[in-house]
C-alpha atoms as a PDB file:
ATOM      1  CA  MET A   1      59.004  20.542 222.627  1.00  0.00           C
ATOM      2  CA  THR A   2      55.674  21.274 220.969  1.00  0.00           C
ATOM      3  CA  MET A   3      55.951  21.576 217.225  1.00  0.00           C
ATOM      4  CA  LEU A   4      53.357  23.575 215.369  1.00  0.00           C
ATOM      5  CA  THR A   5      52.343  22.088 212.074  1.00  0.00           C
ATOM      6  CA  LYS A   6      51.104  23.868 208.995  1.00  0.00           C
ATOM      7  CA  ARG A   7      49.427  22.460 205.964  1.00  0.00           C
ATOM      8  CA  ILE A   8      50.798  23.298 202.550  1.00  0.00           C
ATOM      9  CA  PRO A   9      48.431  22.447 199.728  1.00  0.00           C
ATOM     10  CA  VAL A  10      50.183  20.880 196.744  1.00  0.00           C
ATOM     11  CA  SER A  11      48.915  19.349 193.559  1.00  0.00           C
ATOM     12  CA  GLU A  12      48.832  15.583 193.149  1.00  0.00           C
ATOM     13  CA  PRO A  13      51.822  15.552 190.749  1.00  0.00           C
ATOM     14  CA  VAL A  14      53.942  17.598 193.190  1.00  0.00           C
ATOM     15  CA  TRP A  15      52.985  15.324 196.070  1.00  0.00           C
ATOM     16  CA  LYS A  16      53.978  12.275 194.010  1.00  0.00           C
ATOM     17  CA  ASP A  17      57.322  13.874 193.088  1.00  0.00           C
ATOM     18  CA  LEU A  18      57.997  14.622 196.761  1.00  0.00           C
ATOM     19  CA  ALA A  19      57.071  11.063 197.701  1.00  0.00           C
ATOM     20  CA  GLU A  20      59.584   9.757 195.129  1.00  0.00           C
ATOM     21  CA  LEU A  21      62.315  11.900 196.696  1.00  0.00           C
ATOM     22  CA  ARG A  22      61.687  10.445 200.159  1.00  0.00           C
ATOM     23  CA  MET A  23      64.184   7.976 201.470  1.00  0.00           C
ATOM     24  CA  ALA A  24      63.459   5.426 204.198  1.00  0.00           C
ATOM     25  CA  GLY A  25      62.745   7.196 207.478  1.00  0.00           C
ATOM     26  CA  GLN A  26      62.715  10.634 205.889  1.00  0.00           C
ATOM     27  CA  THR A  27      59.777  12.948 206.501  1.00  0.00           C
ATOM     28  CA  TYR A  28      58.358  15.511 204.115  1.00  0.00           C
ATOM     29  CA  ASP A  29      59.703  18.114 206.523  1.00  0.00           C
ATOM     30  CA  ASP A  30      63.199  16.626 206.053  1.00  0.00           C
ATOM     31  CA  ILE A  31      62.835  16.790 202.278  1.00  0.00           C
ATOM     32  CA  LEU A  32      61.713  20.420 202.397  1.00  0.00           C
ATOM     33  CA  ILE A  33      64.563  21.390 204.742  1.00  0.00           C
ATOM     34  CA  GLU A  34      67.043  19.794 202.354  1.00  0.00           C
ATOM     35  CA  MET A  35      65.474  21.525 199.359  1.00  0.00           C
ATOM     36  CA  ILE A  36      65.557  24.902 201.124  1.00  0.00           C
ATOM     37  CA  GLU A  37      69.246  24.507 201.979  1.00  0.00           C
ATOM     38  CA  LEU A  38      70.058  23.526 198.398  1.00  0.00           C
ATOM     39  CA  GLN A  39      68.134  26.549 197.103  1.00  0.00           C
ATOM     40  CA  LYS A  40      69.972  28.896 199.484  1.00  0.00           C
ATOM     41  CA  LYS A  41      73.333  27.520 198.336  1.00  0.00           C
ATOM     42  CA  GLN A  42      72.323  27.843 194.685  1.00  0.00           C
ATOM     43  CA  ARG A  43      71.249  31.475 195.183  1.00  0.00           C
ATOM     44  CA  LEU A  44      74.568  32.276 196.860  1.00  0.00           C
ATOM     45  CA  LYS A  45      76.454  30.597 194.021  1.00  0.00           C
ATOM     46  CA  ASP A  46      74.387  32.494 191.430  1.00  0.00           C
ATOM     47  CA  ASP A  47      75.000  35.805 193.241  1.00  0.00           C
ATOM     48  CA  ILE A  48      78.752  35.178 193.368  1.00  0.00           C
ATOM     49  CA  LEU A  49      78.924  34.205 189.697  1.00  0.00           C
ATOM     50  CA  ARG A  50      76.852  37.246 188.690  1.00  0.00           C
ATOM     51  CA  SER A  51      79.121  39.532 190.712  1.00  0.00           C
ATOM     52  CA  LEU A  52      82.200  38.037 189.071  1.00  0.00           C
ATOM     53  CA  GLU A  53      80.694  38.409 185.596  1.00  0.00           C
ATOM     54  CA  GLU A  54      79.615  41.993 186.194  1.00  0.00           C
ATOM     55  CA  GLY A  55      82.800  42.923 188.015  1.00  0.00           C
ATOM     56  CA  ASP A  56      80.634  43.999 190.927  1.00  0.00           C
ATOM     57  CA  PHE A  57      83.073  43.080 193.681  1.00  0.00           C
ATOM     58  CA  ILE A  58      85.921  44.526 195.690  1.00  0.00           C
ATOM     59  CA  PRO A  59      89.175  42.575 195.871  1.00  0.00           C
ATOM     60  CA  LEU A  60      90.049  41.360 199.357  1.00  0.00           C
ATOM     61  CA  SER A  61      93.333  43.299 199.291  1.00  0.00           C
ATOM     62  CA  GLU A  62      91.365  46.528 198.783  1.00  0.00           C
ATOM     63  CA  ILE A  63      89.000  45.696 201.638  1.00  0.00           C
ATOM     64  CA  LYS A  64      91.974  45.146 203.933  1.00  0.00           C
ATOM     65  CA  THR A  65      93.477  48.469 202.821  1.00  0.00           C
ATOM     66  CA  ARG A  66      90.203  50.332 203.384  1.00  0.00           C
ATOM     67  CA  LYS A  67      89.802  48.728 206.795  1.00  0.00           C
ATOM     68  CA  SER A  68      93.366  49.733 207.786  1.00  0.00           C
ATOM     69  CA  LYS A  69      92.816  53.326 206.648  1.00  0.00           C
ATOM     70  CA  ARG A  70      89.578  53.567 208.641  1.00  0.00           C
ATOM     71  CA  ALA A  71      91.310  52.181 211.734  1.00  0.00           C
ATOM     72  CA  VAL A  72      94.134  54.733 211.412  1.00  0.00           C
ATOM     73  CA  THR A  73      91.647  57.590 210.909  1.00  0.00           C
ATOM     74  CA  LYS A  74      89.644  56.448 213.921  1.00  0.00           C
ATOM     75  CA  ARG A  75      92.772  56.301 216.101  1.00  0.00           C
ATOM     76  CA  ARG A  76      93.822  59.791 214.975  1.00  0.00           C
ATOM     77  CA  THR A  77      90.352  61.130 215.741  1.00  0.00           C
ATOM     78  CA  GLN A  78      90.458  59.587 219.204  1.00  0.00           C
ATOM     79  CA  ILE A  79      93.903  61.037 219.889  1.00  0.00           C
ATOM     80  CA  LYS A  80      92.804  64.519 218.791  1.00  0.00           C
ATOM     81  CA  GLY A  81      89.735  64.199 221.008  1.00  0.00           C
ATOM     82  CA  ILE A  82      87.356  64.961 218.214  1.00  0.00           C
END
C-alpha cells in the first residue's frame, strides 16, 4: 500500500514537545493519531456534560415512547393505504 505523506510545519518548541512524547518505536504519525483520538473523546465528553448542564437532552424512556408512537402511526398509515 502506497502511503502519501504530507509535511506539517511546526515550531521548534512544538517539535521538541512531540519528540518528548514519543515512546520507543512510535512514529510521529502514531503520536498524532493518539492525540486526535484523545481530542475526539474529550469533545464528546464536553458535549455530553454541556447537554446535561443545559438540560438539552431527551431521556431514553421518551425516545423509546416517541419511536413506538411513530411505528404505530406508520403501521396505521400502511393499513389505511395512505
